[in-house]
Amino acid sequence: MGLRSVIKGVGGYLPQNVVTNADLEKRVDTSDEWVFQRTGIKQRHIAAENETTSMMATKAALDALSHAKMDINQIDAIIVATTTPDRTFPATAVHVQAALGMAHGFAFDVQAVCSGFVYALSVADGMIRSGQVKNILVLGAEKMSSILDWDDRTTCVLFADGAGGVILSGEESDGGILSTHLHSNGEFKDMLYTDGGASTTASTGVIKMQGRDVFKYAVTYLAEVVDEVLTHHNLQPEALDWLVPHQANIRIIEATAKKLEMSMDKVVTTVQDHGNTSAASIPLALNTAVKDGRIKRGDLILTEAMGGGFTWGAALIRY
């Protein structure tokens, strides 16, 4: 037994507006069959014009607090993983802090695009293990629709909006976050990026992606980090109860499951309903599977993601 970061509650929020592949057929040259076969996506949630990343994150936070049966006054810090902040500054996390009525502690953002939630978990876990905080709210929240070129059929069909999160508490336990494994390689920074930024164009820009290359590297890097986790813990794949992957593309998810020789029945997939919500996708998937009863206390969970940068990483968690 040692001090571990235990998940006390999960939460999620999705905007009310649902956009199907059929809806997108009216806007760009695509089809439901084309999108579904290549990505596994059937629909996605798109935020209203006045619905911000911090608003969605706040709703996910309230859901997580309710699930954990905790009060905001018990939370020592807030980390928000996002690539679509409300403003260039201050951090989206302080907007959430204010909305939750939390005047104590501290709040900040983490930016690692689709890997953001795994990075944020790692940071939070380090803070708990060092004794800096006891209870920390870790959120992934994105309004990806705000950085899409809605005339680009290769990207506008993929990305979507939403928020999810967990509350981590420091406890003497055999469970919780067992390890996190983070990587990046800036050599590939121009394969998935936005063509804008504060110090370059003074605008946010829109997503640009070399899809085939991103797919190829995602399959390779995710397989490597899965091996790294298993080797680190001297585990066989069959020891895992659940894979909760980043929800980018069903073909990437299936490739990871095949690597693990894991039945898709043990893989949490929400990509068909949520699309790619970047840093929000893992906590949203986790929230779905915990709330519907699939993931139970004691289950061993592997979660992994790759995003622009490239960044990638994984976490092994005993729920």
Protein backbone atom coordinates (compact mmCIF):
# COMPACT_ATOMS: atom_id res chain seq x y z
CA MET A 1 0.00 0.00 0.00
CA GLY A 2 1.14 3.52 -0.73
CA LEU A 3 -0.24 6.97 -1.41
CA ARG A 4 -2.15 6.75 -4.67
CA SER A 5 -4.41 8.99 -6.76
CA VAL A 6 -7.79 7.29 -6.55
CA ILE A 7 -10.71 8.20 -8.83
CA LYS A 8 -13.53 9.29 -6.51
CA GLY A 9 -15.95 10.50 -9.16
CA VAL A 10 -16.45 10.89 -12.91
CA GLY A 11 -18.47 13.42 -14.87
CA GLY A 12 -19.31 14.48 -18.38
CA TYR A 13 -21.22 16.98 -20.48
CA LEU A 14 -22.22 17.00 -24.14
CA PRO A 15 -23.90 19.91 -25.97
CA GLN A 16 -27.55 19.38 -26.91
CA ASN A 17 -27.02 19.99 -30.63
CA VAL A 18 -26.40 16.67 -32.43
CA VAL A 19 -25.01 16.76 -35.99
CA THR A 20 -25.26 13.52 -37.97
CA ASN A 21 -23.28 12.46 -41.02
CA ALA A 22 -26.45 13.03 -43.04
CA ASP A 23 -26.48 16.64 -41.81
CA LEU A 24 -22.91 17.09 -43.04
CA GLU A 25 -23.81 15.65 -46.44
CA LYS A 26 -25.78 18.86 -47.01
CA ARG A 27 -22.70 20.99 -46.34
CA VAL A 28 -19.70 19.18 -47.84
CA ASP A 29 -19.05 16.48 -50.44
CA THR A 30 -19.26 13.43 -48.18
CA SER A 31 -21.61 10.63 -47.24
CA ASP A 32 -22.68 8.77 -44.14
CA GLU A 33 -21.16 5.56 -45.56
CA TRP A 34 -17.81 7.24 -46.37
CA VAL A 35 -17.44 8.81 -42.91
CA PHE A 36 -18.58 5.74 -40.97
CA GLN A 37 -16.41 3.26 -42.87
CA ARG A 38 -13.25 5.32 -42.40
CA THR A 39 -13.80 6.65 -38.87
CA GLY A 40 -16.65 4.82 -37.15
CA ILE A 41 -18.40 8.15 -36.50
CA LYS A 42 -22.19 8.39 -36.97
CA GLN A 43 -22.87 11.66 -35.16
CA ARG A 44 -21.25 14.31 -32.99
CA HIS A 45 -22.29 17.02 -30.52
CA ILE A 46 -21.61 20.63 -31.51
CA ALA A 47 -21.71 23.47 -28.96
CA ALA A 48 -23.95 26.46 -29.38
CA GLU A 49 -22.29 29.69 -30.50
CA ASN A 50 -22.40 31.16 -26.98
CA GLU A 51 -21.43 27.88 -25.27
CA THR A 52 -17.78 28.10 -24.22
CA THR A 53 -15.21 25.49 -23.28
CA SER A 54 -15.31 26.65 -19.65
CA MET A 55 -19.12 26.38 -19.53
CA MET A 56 -18.94 22.75 -20.70
CA ALA A 57 -16.05 22.02 -18.32
CA THR A 58 -18.00 23.50 -15.40
CA LYS A 59 -20.99 21.25 -16.13
CA ALA A 60 -18.71 18.18 -16.30
CA ALA A 61 -17.12 19.28 -13.01
CA LEU A 62 -20.48 19.58 -11.27
CA ASP A 63 -21.40 16.10 -12.55
CA ALA A 64 -18.14 14.67 -11.18
CA LEU A 65 -18.63 16.37 -7.80
CA SER A 66 -22.13 14.94 -7.59
CA HIS A 67 -20.91 11.45 -8.51
CA ALA A 68 -18.14 11.66 -5.88
CA LYS A 69 -20.56 13.12 -3.30
CA MET A 70 -18.06 15.90 -2.71
CA ASP A 71 -18.27 19.66 -2.29
CA ILE A 72 -16.17 22.21 -4.20
CA ASN A 73 -14.68 23.34 -0.87
CA GLN A 74 -12.93 19.95 -0.65
CA ILE A 75 -11.12 20.50 -3.97
CA ASP A 76 -7.57 21.84 -3.73
CA ALA A 77 -6.85 22.43 -7.42
CA ILE A 78 -8.31 22.30 -10.93
CA ILE A 79 -6.47 21.24 -14.07
CA VAL A 80 -8.18 21.67 -17.45
CA ALA A 81 -6.72 19.92 -20.49
CA THR A 82 -7.80 21.92 -23.54
CA THR A 83 -6.60 23.16 -26.90
CA THR A 84 -9.62 25.47 -27.33
CA PRO A 85 -9.44 27.89 -24.38
CA ASP A 86 -12.07 30.56 -23.79
CA ARG A 87 -9.35 33.20 -24.14
CA THR A 88 -5.64 33.25 -24.93
CA PHE A 89 -5.36 34.07 -21.22
CA PRO A 90 -6.28 33.63 -18.44
CA ALA A 91 -6.45 29.84 -18.30
CA THR A 92 -9.79 28.17 -18.89
CA ALA A 93 -9.31 26.50 -15.51
CA VAL A 94 -9.67 29.81 -13.66
CA HIS A 95 -12.94 30.47 -15.51
CA VAL A 96 -14.12 27.09 -14.20
CA GLN A 97 -12.80 27.91 -10.73
CA ALA A 98 -14.83 31.13 -10.69
CA ALA A 99 -17.96 29.45 -12.06
CA LEU A 100 -17.75 26.82 -9.29
CA GLY A 101 -17.40 29.52 -6.62
CA MET A 102 -13.95 28.28 -5.58
CA ALA A 103 -11.82 31.11 -4.18
CA HIS A 104 -9.08 28.93 -2.69
CA GLY A 105 -6.42 26.64 -4.17
CA PHE A 106 -5.13 27.03 -7.72
CA ALA A 107 -6.12 26.30 -11.31
CA PHE A 108 -4.26 26.00 -14.61
CA ASP A 109 -4.48 24.51 -18.10
CA VAL A 110 -2.51 21.74 -19.81
CA GLN A 111 -2.07 21.76 -23.60
CA ALA A 112 -1.21 18.48 -25.30
CA VAL A 113 -4.17 18.38 -27.72
CA CYS A 114 -5.79 14.91 -27.82
CA SER A 115 -3.28 13.56 -25.27
CA GLY A 116 -4.12 16.40 -22.91
CA PHE A 117 -6.18 14.42 -20.42
CA VAL A 118 -3.48 11.75 -20.00
CA TYR A 119 -0.89 14.51 -19.50
CA ALA A 120 -3.17 16.23 -16.97
CA LEU A 121 -3.67 12.95 -15.08
CA SER A 122 0.11 12.56 -14.87
CA VAL A 123 0.58 16.10 -13.52
CA ALA A 124 -2.22 15.66 -10.99
CA ASP A 125 -0.88 12.28 -9.88
CA GLY A 126 2.54 13.80 -9.25
CA MET A 127 1.01 16.59 -7.15
CA ILE A 128 -0.95 14.11 -5.05
CA ARG A 129 1.99 11.75 -4.52
CA SER A 130 4.22 14.67 -3.48
CA GLY A 131 1.64 15.76 -0.91
CA GLN A 132 1.02 19.12 -2.57
CA VAL A 133 -2.72 18.47 -2.88
CA LYS A 134 -5.21 15.91 -1.58
CA ASN A 135 -8.20 16.33 -3.91
CA ILE A 136 -7.87 17.57 -7.48
CA LEU A 137 -10.38 18.06 -10.28
CA VAL A 138 -8.96 16.99 -13.66
CA LEU A 139 -10.99 17.99 -16.71
CA GLY A 140 -10.72 17.61 -20.46
CA ALA A 141 -12.86 20.12 -22.35
CA GLU A 142 -12.97 21.16 -25.98
CA LYS A 143 -14.92 23.28 -28.42
CA MET A 144 -13.19 21.84 -31.49
CA SER A 145 -15.97 23.17 -33.74
CA SER A 146 -14.53 26.66 -33.19
CA ILE A 147 -11.25 25.76 -34.96
CA LEU A 148 -12.71 23.77 -37.85
CA ASP A 149 -12.87 24.74 -41.51
CA TRP A 150 -16.45 23.64 -42.14
CA ASP A 151 -15.73 23.44 -45.88
CA ASP A 152 -12.87 20.96 -45.37
CA ARG A 153 -14.49 17.54 -45.58
CA THR A 154 -11.37 15.76 -44.30
CA THR A 155 -11.51 17.45 -40.88
CA CYS A 156 -15.02 18.82 -40.26
CA VAL A 157 -16.47 15.29 -40.12
CA LEU A 158 -14.05 14.21 -37.38
CA PHE A 159 -14.02 16.69 -34.53
CA ALA A 160 -16.66 17.66 -31.98
CA ASP A 161 -17.34 19.31 -28.63
CA GLY A 162 -17.79 18.21 -25.03
CA ALA A 163 -16.21 17.93 -21.60
CA GLY A 164 -15.43 15.22 -19.10
CA GLY A 165 -13.48 14.83 -15.92
CA VAL A 166 -12.51 12.97 -12.79
CA ILE A 167 -11.88 13.82 -9.17
CA LEU A 168 -8.65 12.32 -7.86
CA SER A 169 -8.01 11.93 -4.13
CA GLY A 170 -4.82 10.93 -2.36
CA GLU A 171 -5.41 7.73 -0.38
CA GLU A 172 -3.39 4.83 0.98
CA SER A 173 -4.48 2.27 -1.58
CA ASP A 174 -3.42 -0.52 -3.92
CA GLY A 175 -5.66 1.06 -6.58
CA GLY A 176 -5.87 4.41 -8.32
CA ILE A 177 -3.37 5.60 -10.94
CA LEU A 178 -0.65 2.93 -11.08
CA SER A 179 1.54 4.71 -13.64
CA THR A 180 1.50 7.24 -16.47
CA HIS A 181 3.72 7.18 -19.54
CA LEU A 182 4.17 10.35 -21.63
CA HIS A 183 5.92 11.00 -24.96
CA SER A 184 6.20 13.61 -27.69
CA ASN A 185 8.09 14.15 -30.92
CA GLY A 186 8.08 17.68 -32.27
CA GLU A 187 9.55 16.49 -35.58
CA PHE A 188 5.96 15.78 -36.63
CA LYS A 189 4.45 19.08 -35.46
CA ASP A 190 3.32 20.00 -38.99
CA MET A 191 1.26 16.85 -39.60
CA LEU A 192 -1.61 17.95 -37.33
CA TYR A 193 -1.86 21.61 -36.37
CA THR A 194 -3.82 24.85 -36.62
CA ASP A 195 -2.66 27.43 -39.13
CA GLY A 196 -2.90 30.26 -36.59
CA GLY A 197 -1.72 31.38 -33.18
CA ALA A 198 -1.24 34.40 -30.94
CA SER A 199 2.40 35.05 -31.92
CA THR A 200 2.08 34.17 -35.62
CA THR A 201 -1.24 35.29 -37.06
CA ALA A 202 -3.00 36.81 -34.03
CA SER A 203 -5.90 34.43 -34.78
CA THR A 204 -6.77 30.90 -33.75
CA GLY A 205 -6.57 29.42 -37.25
CA VAL A 206 -8.20 26.14 -38.29
CA ILE A 207 -7.16 22.50 -38.11
CA LYS A 208 -4.90 21.14 -40.84
CA MET A 209 -4.14 17.44 -40.95
CA GLN A 210 -2.20 14.92 -43.02
CA GLY A 211 -4.67 12.16 -42.26
CA ARG A 212 -2.89 9.10 -43.62
CA ASP A 213 0.38 9.92 -41.86
CA VAL A 214 -1.38 10.71 -38.57
CA PHE A 215 -3.17 7.35 -38.77
CA LYS A 216 0.06 5.47 -39.46
CA TYR A 217 1.97 7.05 -36.58
CA ALA A 218 -0.99 6.71 -34.19
CA VAL A 219 -1.14 2.94 -34.71
CA THR A 220 2.64 2.64 -34.24
CA TYR A 221 3.05 4.92 -31.23
CA LEU A 222 -0.01 3.64 -29.38
CA ALA A 223 1.16 0.04 -29.83
CA GLU A 224 4.56 1.04 -28.42
CA VAL A 225 3.15 2.82 -25.36
CA VAL A 226 0.79 -0.08 -24.64
CA ASP A 227 3.82 -2.41 -24.65
CA GLU A 228 5.65 0.03 -22.39
CA VAL A 229 2.85 -0.02 -19.80
CA LEU A 230 2.55 -3.82 -19.79
CA THR A 231 6.32 -4.30 -19.55
CA HIS A 232 6.60 -1.73 -16.75
CA HIS A 233 4.10 -3.69 -14.65
CA ASN A 234 5.15 -7.15 -15.87
CA LEU A 235 1.58 -7.75 -17.04
CA GLN A 236 0.04 -9.83 -19.80
CA PRO A 237 -2.71 -8.21 -21.89
CA GLU A 238 -5.34 -10.55 -20.43
CA ALA A 239 -4.83 -8.88 -17.01
CA LEU A 240 -6.60 -5.79 -18.36
CA ASP A 241 -10.34 -5.50 -17.77
CA TRP A 242 -10.93 -2.49 -20.01
CA LEU A 243 -9.30 -0.39 -22.70
CA VAL A 244 -10.56 3.21 -22.60
CA PRO A 245 -8.83 4.80 -25.60
CA HIS A 246 -8.88 8.27 -27.09
CA GLN A 247 -11.88 8.32 -29.41
CA ALA A 248 -10.38 9.51 -32.69
CA ASN A 249 -11.01 6.75 -35.18
CA ILE A 250 -12.50 3.26 -34.76
CA ARG A 251 -9.79 1.77 -36.99
CA ILE A 252 -7.03 3.06 -34.67
CA ILE A 253 -8.96 1.74 -31.66
CA GLU A 254 -9.40 -1.66 -33.32
CA ALA A 255 -5.68 -1.81 -34.14
CA THR A 256 -4.79 -1.21 -30.47
CA ALA A 257 -7.30 -3.84 -29.33
CA LYS A 258 -5.82 -6.32 -31.81
CA LYS A 259 -2.34 -5.60 -30.45
CA LEU A 260 -3.66 -6.48 -26.98
CA GLU A 261 -5.56 -9.51 -28.33
CA MET A 262 -8.52 -7.89 -26.59
CA SER A 263 -12.13 -8.42 -27.62
CA MET A 264 -13.90 -5.22 -28.64
CA ASP A 265 -16.41 -6.12 -25.92
CA LYS A 266 -13.75 -4.96 -23.46
CA VAL A 267 -13.08 -1.70 -25.30
CA VAL A 268 -15.09 1.39 -24.43
CA THR A 269 -16.08 3.11 -27.67
CA THR A 270 -18.04 6.35 -27.88
CA VAL A 271 -16.55 7.66 -31.14
CA GLN A 272 -19.71 6.64 -33.03
CA ASP A 273 -21.81 9.06 -30.94
CA HIS A 274 -19.32 11.72 -29.84
CA GLY A 275 -16.79 12.05 -32.68
CA ASN A 276 -13.27 13.16 -31.73
CA THR A 277 -13.58 15.51 -28.75
CA SER A 278 -9.79 15.73 -28.32
CA ALA A 279 -8.83 16.07 -24.63
CA ALA A 280 -12.44 15.44 -23.59
CA SER A 281 -12.75 12.05 -25.26
CA ILE A 282 -11.16 9.78 -22.64
CA PRO A 283 -13.00 11.25 -19.62
CA LEU A 284 -16.26 11.25 -21.59
CA ALA A 285 -15.78 7.57 -22.48
CA LEU A 286 -14.83 6.75 -18.89
CA ASN A 287 -17.90 8.60 -17.60
CA THR A 288 -20.14 6.67 -20.00
CA ALA A 289 -18.77 3.25 -19.00
CA VAL A 290 -18.78 3.92 -15.25
CA LYS A 291 -22.30 5.35 -15.26
CA ASP A 292 -23.75 2.49 -17.35
CA GLY A 293 -22.18 -0.05 -14.99
CA ARG A 294 -19.62 -1.62 -17.31
CA ILE A 295 -16.60 -0.38 -15.37
CA LYS A 296 -16.73 -1.47 -11.75
CA ARG A 297 -14.58 -0.85 -8.68
CA GLY A 298 -11.42 -2.95 -8.84
CA ASP A 299 -11.31 -3.11 -12.64
CA LEU A 300 -7.91 -2.58 -14.29
CA ILE A 301 -8.13 0.08 -16.99
CA LEU A 302 -5.64 1.08 -19.67
CA THR A 303 -6.21 4.43 -21.30
CA GLU A 304 -4.13 5.87 -24.14
CA ALA A 305 -4.11 8.74 -26.63
CA MET A 306 -2.15 10.45 -29.39
CA GLY A 307 -2.53 14.02 -30.54
CA GLY A 308 -0.93 16.85 -32.46
CA GLY A 309 2.67 17.57 -31.62
CA PHE A 310 2.91 14.60 -31.85
CA THR A 311 2.13 13.87 -28.23
CA TRP A 312 1.09 10.48 -26.94
CA GLY A 313 0.76 8.66 -23.66
CA ALA A 314 -1.02 6.09 -21.53
CA ALA A 315 -2.17 5.55 -17.96
CA LEU A 316 -2.84 2.34 -16.07
CA ILE A 317 -5.58 2.76 -13.49
CA ARG A 318 -7.16 0.45 -10.94
CA TYR A 319 -10.66 1.86 -10.68
